Amino acid sequence: MTPSPAILDSMPPSVPSDSTLLLITAVAVVIGAIAIVAAVGFRLSRSYRELGTEAEHATFAALHSAAAAGRQLRNGLEPAGALKASKQLRSLLNCAAFAMTDDSRLLAWDGSGTAAKQPESAVVMGLVAKALSTGRTQVATLEPALRSSLGLPPDGELKAAVICPLKVDSRAVGCVVILSKAPTAGLVRATNEVAAWVSAQLELAELSSSRTLLAEAEVRALRAQISPHFIYNSLNAIASFINTDPQRARDLVVEFADFTRYSFRRHGDFTTLAEELRCIDRYLLLESARFGDRLQISLQIAPEVLSTVIPFLSLQPLVENAVRHGIEAKVGSGLVQISARDLGAHTEVTIEDDGVGMDPEQLRQVLAGRQDGTHVGLRNVDARLRQVYGDDHGLTIDTGVGHGMLITMTVPKNQPGHDA
């Protein structure tokens, strides 16, 4: 019998139970997860297929390992970087163990299976001694006693070691060592190539270190340039006020102390524009005591560029050049104008004087390092700016005999890794 419409309307709707809802939710989550995994898998497989042939896959893997190892060798032969690089290079050579040494100790050991445990440093250094002394690749047979001292099973399958020297400027600075079942000609050649590549990374690291030492030497040269003439002249100027104006003499002594403290500080290769300008202010106060009304100063500094990071002692030598070689040699008074303005991604600083100027050809000789003596500060600052920021950021100098000099320095505002 069919229920009447009134009876049908009064029946409650069917509501799923809690267990049914939980089941539906779980199924939906699983389906969503499968979809995500499938999408990721599709993208990975697609990118893998885009490499093409197996040779291309192998090339990609080799380049990836080499790039990863190269990043770890930027600081030269040191244990942490050598260990991380060894892991990448062992996979590149597909050998049982890969080790790296310097000329006195084992730096890193990466192995698998029976070669996983790192042996004593002295044992490995005994193994590499001949390669270090001769600078030539050695292939050593692992006799049972040697295998035992390396922590390998006496009757294990690893029978040989290939030892390739690492060379910097033709001198052996360490070795690469691999362990294998048999030293095939191909494996020896591959190990030699890896050792040559590691040697190239070490040469680059040493070059970088040399450039850093050169930059420090250039700063020391600037300090040495400051010492003889400026200190002598400043002390003479201070002495001239001791009897006539003792208070000014005392003030100048304080300014002189602050200037020398900044100039001869021992920490940091960089400073801020604000700090350098403070140093310049003290310098100009001391020079004004000597020159009197002959030296006039004009400053136009945009406040937003004061926090710009610049190489330490990069502006003061330019101002000193303007005073010493521009104004001092001029008859009558002279003007030094210092300005700094915001150029968006860069800060531009200019130092201009209306002094005696300089022959442009002589200036080129000075900047090229072919003329010693005067204007050392110009060449030094120009070289340091090019080293830090690239050739596009060297000094721009406009000058002519009798027409003064305008020096422009442009530095980027964003300088990762340069802390003032």
Protein backbone atom coordinates (compact mmCIF):
# COMPACT_ATOMS: atom_id res chain seq x y z
CA MET A 1 0.00 0.00 0.00
CA THR A 2 1.46 3.41 -1.00
CA PRO A 3 1.71 5.97 1.83
CA SER A 4 -0.23 9.16 1.44
CA PRO A 5 1.59 12.40 0.61
CA ALA A 6 0.97 13.70 4.15
CA ILE A 7 2.68 10.69 5.64
CA LEU A 8 5.65 11.03 3.24
CA ASP A 9 6.21 14.69 4.17
CA SER A 10 6.32 13.88 7.85
CA MET A 11 9.15 11.30 7.56
CA PRO A 12 12.57 12.62 8.76
CA PRO A 13 15.39 12.93 6.13
CA SER A 14 18.13 10.28 6.07
CA VAL A 15 21.33 11.55 7.88
CA PRO A 16 24.68 9.71 7.39
CA SER A 17 26.23 8.33 10.56
CA ASP A 18 29.54 9.65 11.98
CA SER A 19 31.39 6.54 10.79
CA THR A 20 30.10 7.07 7.26
CA LEU A 21 31.25 10.71 7.24
CA LEU A 22 34.70 9.70 8.53
CA LEU A 23 35.00 7.09 5.78
CA ILE A 24 34.03 9.60 3.08
CA THR A 25 36.56 12.14 4.41
CA ALA A 26 39.35 9.54 4.51
CA VAL A 27 38.61 8.46 0.94
CA ALA A 28 38.69 12.10 -0.21
CA VAL A 29 42.07 12.70 1.49
CA VAL A 30 43.56 9.56 -0.08
CA ILE A 31 42.29 10.56 -3.53
CA GLY A 32 43.75 14.06 -3.08
CA ALA A 33 47.13 12.68 -1.98
CA ILE A 34 47.22 10.31 -4.95
CA ALA A 35 46.47 13.21 -7.27
CA ILE A 36 49.29 15.33 -5.80
CA VAL A 37 51.82 12.48 -5.99
CA ALA A 38 50.76 11.76 -9.55
CA ALA A 39 51.19 15.41 -10.54
CA VAL A 40 54.64 15.66 -8.93
CA GLY A 41 55.68 12.36 -10.46
CA PHE A 42 54.50 13.51 -13.87
CA ARG A 43 56.53 16.72 -13.63
CA LEU A 44 59.66 14.89 -12.46
CA SER A 45 59.36 12.24 -15.14
CA ARG A 46 58.77 14.94 -17.72
CA SER A 47 61.87 16.89 -16.65
CA TYR A 48 63.86 13.65 -16.67
CA ARG A 49 62.60 12.77 -20.16
CA GLU A 50 63.56 16.25 -21.36
CA LEU A 51 67.21 15.38 -20.74
CA GLY A 52 66.94 12.95 -23.64
CA THR A 53 69.51 10.14 -23.88
CA GLU A 54 71.21 8.19 -21.12
CA ALA A 55 74.43 10.04 -22.01
CA GLU A 56 72.67 13.33 -21.29
CA HIS A 57 71.42 11.96 -17.98
CA ALA A 58 74.97 10.94 -17.05
CA THR A 59 76.35 14.34 -18.10
CA PHE A 60 73.77 16.13 -15.98
CA ALA A 61 74.58 13.98 -12.94
CA ALA A 62 78.33 14.55 -13.37
CA LEU A 63 77.96 18.31 -13.73
CA HIS A 64 75.63 18.46 -10.74
CA SER A 65 78.13 16.57 -8.56
CA ALA A 66 81.02 18.74 -9.75
CA ALA A 67 79.12 21.96 -9.09
CA ALA A 68 78.11 20.80 -5.61
CA ALA A 69 81.70 19.79 -4.79
CA GLY A 70 83.09 23.05 -6.16
CA ARG A 71 81.02 25.09 -3.73
CA GLN A 72 82.60 23.20 -0.84
CA LEU A 73 86.17 23.90 -1.97
CA ARG A 74 85.91 27.70 -2.13
CA ASN A 75 87.91 28.04 1.09
CA GLY A 76 90.64 25.65 -0.03
CA LEU A 77 91.67 22.45 1.73
CA GLU A 78 89.82 22.45 5.05
CA PRO A 79 88.12 19.43 6.69
CA ALA A 80 84.42 20.41 6.58
CA GLY A 81 84.47 21.45 2.93
CA ALA A 82 86.68 18.51 1.91
CA LEU A 83 84.28 16.01 3.52
CA LYS A 84 81.22 17.42 1.75
CA ALA A 85 83.09 17.57 -1.56
CA SER A 86 84.31 13.98 -1.11
CA LYS A 87 80.75 12.69 -0.89
CA GLN A 88 79.95 14.25 -4.26
CA LEU A 89 83.19 13.16 -5.91
CA ARG A 90 82.87 9.55 -4.72
CA SER A 91 79.51 9.29 -6.44
CA LEU A 92 81.08 10.82 -9.54
CA LEU A 93 83.77 8.12 -9.66
CA ASN A 94 81.47 5.36 -8.36
CA CYS A 95 84.24 4.00 -6.12
CA ALA A 96 84.11 2.21 -2.77
CA ALA A 97 85.97 4.96 -0.89
CA PHE A 98 87.18 8.47 -1.63
CA ALA A 99 89.66 10.37 0.55
CA MET A 100 91.26 13.80 0.45
CA THR A 101 94.41 14.92 2.26
CA ASP A 102 96.56 17.99 2.54
CA ASP A 103 100.34 17.64 2.83
CA SER A 104 100.24 16.56 6.49
CA ARG A 105 96.91 14.92 7.43
CA LEU A 106 93.79 13.14 6.27
CA LEU A 107 91.05 15.72 5.78
CA ALA A 108 88.10 13.62 4.63
CA TRP A 109 87.08 10.01 4.07
CA ASP A 110 83.85 8.89 2.48
CA GLY A 111 83.21 5.19 1.94
CA SER A 112 80.55 2.52 1.84
CA GLY A 113 80.29 -1.11 2.89
CA THR A 114 83.52 -2.48 4.29
CA ALA A 115 85.25 0.84 3.50
CA ALA A 116 82.80 3.01 5.44
CA LYS A 117 84.96 3.40 8.55
CA GLN A 118 87.59 6.16 8.40
CA PRO A 119 91.13 4.81 9.00
CA GLU A 120 93.87 6.49 11.01
CA SER A 121 95.31 9.61 9.42
CA ALA A 122 98.88 8.32 9.74
CA VAL A 123 98.04 5.18 7.73
CA VAL A 124 96.57 7.18 4.86
CA MET A 125 99.45 9.66 4.89
CA GLY A 126 101.88 6.76 4.64
CA LEU A 127 99.94 5.58 1.60
CA VAL A 128 100.14 8.98 -0.12
CA ALA A 129 103.74 9.83 0.85
CA LYS A 130 105.26 8.85 -2.49
CA ALA A 131 102.67 10.73 -4.55
CA LEU A 132 103.27 13.84 -2.45
CA SER A 133 107.05 13.65 -2.78
CA THR A 134 107.14 12.90 -6.52
CA GLY A 135 104.05 14.79 -7.64
CA ARG A 136 103.02 11.79 -9.76
CA THR A 137 100.01 9.50 -9.64
CA GLN A 138 100.58 6.21 -7.85
CA VAL A 139 98.67 2.92 -8.00
CA ALA A 140 99.16 0.82 -4.85
CA THR A 141 98.26 -2.82 -4.33
CA LEU A 142 96.47 -3.31 -1.01
CA GLU A 143 98.33 -6.18 0.64
CA PRO A 144 96.53 -7.92 3.54
CA ALA A 145 98.54 -6.01 6.16
CA LEU A 146 97.75 -2.67 4.52
CA ARG A 147 94.08 -3.58 4.13
CA SER A 148 93.98 -4.43 7.82
CA SER A 149 95.58 -1.12 8.83
CA LEU A 150 92.99 0.68 6.68
CA GLY A 151 90.24 -1.13 8.57
CA LEU A 152 89.35 -3.38 5.62
CA PRO A 153 88.80 -7.14 5.82
CA PRO A 154 92.11 -8.92 5.08
CA ASP A 155 90.42 -11.05 2.42
CA GLY A 156 88.11 -8.29 1.12
CA GLU A 157 87.44 -7.49 -2.51
CA LEU A 158 89.12 -4.04 -2.46
CA LYS A 159 92.54 -4.75 -3.89
CA ALA A 160 93.97 -1.41 -5.06
CA ALA A 161 94.27 2.29 -4.30
CA VAL A 162 94.76 5.12 -6.81
CA ILE A 163 96.57 8.13 -5.34
CA CYS A 164 96.63 11.37 -7.35
CA PRO A 165 98.45 14.50 -6.11
CA LEU A 166 96.65 17.84 -5.85
CA LYS A 167 98.82 20.61 -7.26
CA VAL A 168 98.80 24.37 -6.88
CA ASP A 169 101.47 26.22 -8.87
CA SER A 170 103.18 22.88 -9.65
CA ARG A 171 103.61 21.99 -5.97
CA ALA A 172 101.78 19.07 -4.38
CA VAL A 173 99.55 20.36 -1.60
CA GLY A 174 97.57 17.18 -0.95
CA CYS A 175 96.19 14.02 -2.53
CA VAL A 176 93.01 12.34 -3.71
CA VAL A 177 92.78 8.64 -2.85
CA ILE A 178 90.25 6.09 -4.08
CA LEU A 179 89.85 2.40 -3.27
CA SER A 180 88.62 -0.07 -5.88
CA LYS A 181 88.48 -3.76 -6.75
CA ALA A 182 90.83 -3.31 -9.70
CA PRO A 183 92.61 -0.15 -10.95
CA THR A 184 91.48 -0.15 -14.59
CA ALA A 185 93.07 2.33 -16.97
CA GLY A 186 89.75 4.15 -17.26
CA LEU A 187 89.40 4.52 -13.51
CA VAL A 188 92.98 5.83 -13.15
CA ARG A 189 92.36 8.39 -15.88
CA ALA A 190 89.05 9.45 -14.35
CA THR A 191 90.68 9.86 -10.92
CA ASN A 192 93.44 11.97 -12.47
CA GLU A 193 90.83 14.20 -14.08
CA VAL A 194 89.00 14.62 -10.76
CA ALA A 195 92.30 15.46 -9.03
CA ALA A 196 93.08 18.04 -11.75
CA TRP A 197 89.62 19.58 -11.30
CA VAL A 198 90.06 19.76 -7.50
CA SER A 199 93.50 21.35 -8.05
CA ALA A 200 91.89 24.02 -10.23
CA GLN A 201 89.37 24.80 -7.46
CA LEU A 202 92.21 25.10 -4.96
CA GLU A 203 94.08 27.49 -7.26
CA LEU A 204 90.96 29.64 -7.52
CA ALA A 205 90.62 29.61 -3.72
CA GLU A 206 94.25 30.65 -3.34
CA LEU A 207 93.77 33.42 -5.91
CA SER A 208 90.77 34.69 -3.97
CA SER A 209 92.83 34.65 -0.77
CA SER A 210 95.65 36.50 -2.52
CA ARG A 211 93.23 39.18 -3.70
CA THR A 212 92.00 39.61 -0.14
CA LEU A 213 95.57 39.96 1.12
CA LEU A 214 96.27 42.45 -1.66
CA ALA A 215 93.27 44.53 -0.63
CA GLU A 216 94.53 44.53 2.97
CA ALA A 217 98.00 45.53 1.76
CA GLU A 218 96.48 48.41 -0.21
CA VAL A 219 94.71 49.68 2.91
CA ARG A 220 98.00 49.46 4.80
CA ALA A 221 99.62 51.46 1.99
CA LEU A 222 96.99 54.17 2.37
CA ARG A 223 97.62 54.29 6.10
CA ALA A 224 101.34 54.55 5.49
CA GLN A 225 100.68 57.41 3.07
CA ILE A 226 98.63 59.22 5.70
CA SER A 227 101.31 58.89 8.35
CA PRO A 228 104.31 60.88 7.13
CA HIS A 229 103.09 64.17 5.66
CA PHE A 230 99.62 64.60 7.17
CA ILE A 231 100.60 63.76 10.75
CA TYR A 232 103.64 66.04 10.55
CA ASN A 233 101.60 68.95 9.14
CA SER A 234 98.76 68.44 11.62
CA LEU A 235 101.05 68.42 14.62
CA ASN A 236 102.75 71.56 13.34
CA ALA A 237 99.37 73.26 12.96
CA ILE A 238 98.34 72.23 16.48
CA ALA A 239 101.65 73.47 17.89
CA SER A 240 101.12 76.86 16.27
CA PHE A 241 97.96 77.41 18.38
CA ILE A 242 99.32 76.27 21.74
CA ASN A 243 100.40 79.78 22.79
CA THR A 244 97.95 81.92 20.80
CA ASP A 245 94.76 79.83 21.16
CA PRO A 246 95.15 76.99 23.70
CA GLN A 247 91.47 75.96 23.51
CA ARG A 248 91.62 75.51 19.76
CA ALA A 249 94.85 73.55 20.15
CA ARG A 250 93.09 71.21 22.60
CA ASP A 251 90.13 70.80 20.23
CA LEU A 252 92.45 70.01 17.34
CA VAL A 253 94.25 67.38 19.41
CA VAL A 254 90.91 65.65 20.03
CA GLU A 255 90.04 65.80 16.32
CA PHE A 256 93.49 64.46 15.44
CA ALA A 257 93.10 61.57 17.89
CA ASP A 258 89.66 60.68 16.49
CA PHE A 259 90.94 60.83 12.91
CA THR A 260 93.93 58.59 13.56
CA ARG A 261 91.81 56.17 15.60
CA TYR A 262 89.46 55.70 12.64
CA SER A 263 92.22 55.59 10.00
CA PHE A 264 94.28 52.99 11.83
CA ARG A 265 91.47 50.76 13.07
CA ARG A 266 92.15 47.05 12.60
CA HIS A 267 88.69 45.60 11.96
CA GLY A 268 86.52 45.60 8.87
CA ASP A 269 87.15 46.14 5.17
CA PHE A 270 84.00 48.23 4.79
CA THR A 271 82.40 51.21 6.47
CA THR A 272 79.38 53.42 5.91
CA LEU A 273 79.36 56.66 3.99
CA ALA A 274 78.38 58.44 7.22
CA GLU A 275 81.45 57.09 9.07
CA GLU A 276 83.79 57.99 6.22
CA LEU A 277 82.35 61.52 6.07
CA ARG A 278 82.91 61.92 9.80
CA CYS A 279 86.55 60.98 9.23
CA ILE A 280 86.75 63.49 6.35
CA ASP A 281 85.23 66.20 8.55
CA ARG A 282 88.00 65.73 11.12
CA TYR A 283 90.62 65.68 8.36
CA LEU A 284 89.33 68.96 6.90
CA LEU A 285 89.21 70.60 10.34
CA LEU A 286 92.88 69.81 10.78
CA GLU A 287 93.76 70.99 7.27
CA SER A 288 91.73 74.19 7.77
CA ALA A 289 93.90 74.92 10.82
CA ARG A 290 96.90 74.84 8.50
CA PHE A 291 95.47 76.58 5.41
CA GLY A 292 93.19 79.08 7.14
CA ASP A 293 90.96 81.01 4.73
CA ARG A 294 92.75 79.51 1.72
CA LEU A 295 90.71 76.31 2.07
CA GLN A 296 86.97 76.52 1.50
CA ILE A 297 84.65 73.52 1.86
CA SER A 298 81.20 72.82 0.41
CA LEU A 299 79.11 69.77 1.38
CA GLN A 300 75.91 68.54 -0.29
CA ILE A 301 74.95 65.15 1.14
CA ALA A 302 71.57 63.46 0.62
CA PRO A 303 70.54 61.97 4.01
CA GLU A 304 69.13 58.80 2.43
CA VAL A 305 72.57 57.68 1.21
CA LEU A 306 74.42 57.97 4.53
CA SER A 307 73.95 54.26 5.28
CA THR A 308 75.52 53.15 1.97
CA VAL A 309 78.38 50.69 2.54
CA ILE A 310 81.70 51.64 0.93
CA PRO A 311 85.25 50.24 1.15
CA PHE A 312 87.11 51.52 4.20
CA LEU A 313 89.27 54.59 3.47
CA SER A 314 87.96 55.01 -0.08
CA LEU A 315 86.79 58.64 0.18
CA GLN A 316 89.34 60.20 2.52
CA PRO A 317 92.28 59.67 0.10
CA LEU A 318 90.27 61.39 -2.67
CA VAL A 319 89.63 64.44 -0.47
CA GLU A 320 93.26 64.45 0.59
CA ASN A 321 94.27 64.36 -3.08
CA ALA A 322 92.08 67.42 -3.73
CA VAL A 323 93.64 69.34 -0.84
CA ARG A 324 97.24 68.24 -1.19
CA HIS A 325 97.65 68.17 -4.98
CA GLY A 326 94.91 70.57 -6.01
CA ILE A 327 94.57 73.40 -3.50
CA GLU A 328 98.00 73.41 -1.83
CA ALA A 329 99.76 73.97 -5.16
CA LYS A 330 97.38 76.76 -6.16
CA VAL A 331 98.01 80.46 -5.64
CA GLY A 332 95.28 81.96 -3.49
CA SER A 333 92.22 80.24 -2.06
CA GLY A 334 90.62 77.07 -3.32
CA LEU A 335 87.30 75.26 -3.01
CA VAL A 336 86.71 71.55 -2.35
CA GLN A 337 83.14 70.38 -2.96
CA ILE A 338 81.90 67.02 -1.68
CA SER A 339 78.48 65.75 -2.73
CA ALA A 340 76.57 62.48 -2.45
CA ARG A 341 73.27 61.75 -4.12
CA ASP A 342 70.79 58.93 -4.54
CA LEU A 343 70.67 57.26 -7.99
CA GLY A 344 68.13 54.59 -7.11
CA ALA A 345 70.10 51.33 -6.95
CA HIS A 346 73.39 53.24 -6.61
CA THR A 347 74.93 56.05 -4.59
CA GLU A 348 77.08 58.61 -6.41
CA VAL A 349 79.77 60.52 -4.55
CA THR A 350 81.78 63.35 -6.15
CA ILE A 351 84.84 65.24 -4.94
CA GLU A 352 85.62 68.37 -6.94
CA ASP A 353 88.33 70.99 -6.50
CA ASP A 354 89.28 74.11 -8.45
CA GLY A 355 93.00 73.55 -7.97
CA VAL A 356 95.86 73.15 -10.42
CA GLY A 357 94.46 70.03 -12.12
CA MET A 358 96.50 67.39 -13.90
CA ASP A 359 97.51 66.38 -17.40
CA PRO A 360 95.06 63.63 -18.56
CA GLU A 361 97.86 61.51 -20.01
CA GLN A 362 99.76 61.67 -16.73
CA LEU A 363 96.56 60.65 -14.95
CA ARG A 364 96.24 57.59 -17.20
CA GLN A 365 99.81 56.62 -16.36
CA VAL A 366 99.08 56.97 -12.63
CA LEU A 367 95.90 54.84 -12.76
CA ALA A 368 97.70 52.21 -14.84
CA GLY A 369 100.38 51.94 -12.14
CA ARG A 370 103.15 53.13 -14.45
CA GLN A 371 103.99 56.21 -12.37
CA ASP A 372 104.91 56.09 -8.70
CA GLY A 373 105.14 58.80 -6.11
CA THR A 374 102.30 61.32 -6.13
CA HIS A 375 98.59 60.50 -6.44
CA VAL A 376 99.08 57.02 -4.92
CA GLY A 377 95.68 57.36 -3.25
CA LEU A 378 93.87 57.75 -6.60
CA ARG A 379 95.34 54.56 -8.05
CA ASN A 380 94.81 52.66 -4.81
CA VAL A 381 91.13 53.60 -4.46
CA ASP A 382 90.45 52.98 -8.15
CA ALA A 383 91.99 49.49 -7.97
CA ARG A 384 90.06 48.57 -4.82
CA LEU A 385 86.71 49.70 -6.26
CA ARG A 386 87.29 47.66 -9.42
CA GLN A 387 88.26 44.64 -7.37
CA VAL A 388 85.19 44.82 -5.14
CA TYR A 389 82.50 45.93 -7.59
CA GLY A 390 83.92 45.25 -11.07
CA ASP A 391 85.54 47.41 -13.73
CA ASP A 392 82.34 49.40 -14.30
CA HIS A 393 82.71 50.90 -10.84
CA GLY A 394 86.21 52.36 -11.09
CA LEU A 395 86.78 56.05 -10.51
CA THR A 396 85.64 58.50 -13.20
CA ILE A 397 88.01 61.48 -13.27
CA ASP A 398 87.72 64.68 -15.29
CA THR A 399 90.74 66.98 -15.14
CA GLY A 400 93.03 69.26 -17.06
CA VAL A 401 96.01 71.42 -16.26
CA GLY A 402 94.73 74.58 -14.57
CA HIS A 403 91.13 73.31 -14.52
CA GLY A 404 90.89 71.43 -11.24
CA MET A 405 89.69 67.86 -10.87
CA LEU A 406 86.30 66.16 -10.59
CA ILE A 407 86.29 62.60 -9.19
CA THR A 408 83.12 60.51 -9.30
CA MET A 409 82.63 57.27 -7.38
CA THR A 410 79.49 55.15 -7.86
CA VAL A 411 78.75 52.17 -5.60
CA PRO A 412 75.73 49.84 -5.45
CA LYS A 413 73.45 50.12 -2.44
CA ASN A 414 72.74 46.41 -2.23
CA GLN A 415 75.96 44.66 -1.21
CA PRO A 416 75.37 41.16 0.24
CA GLY A 417 78.26 40.00 2.40
CA HIS A 418 79.75 43.47 2.92
CA ASP A 419 79.27 44.39 6.55
CA ALA A 420 80.27 47.82 7.80
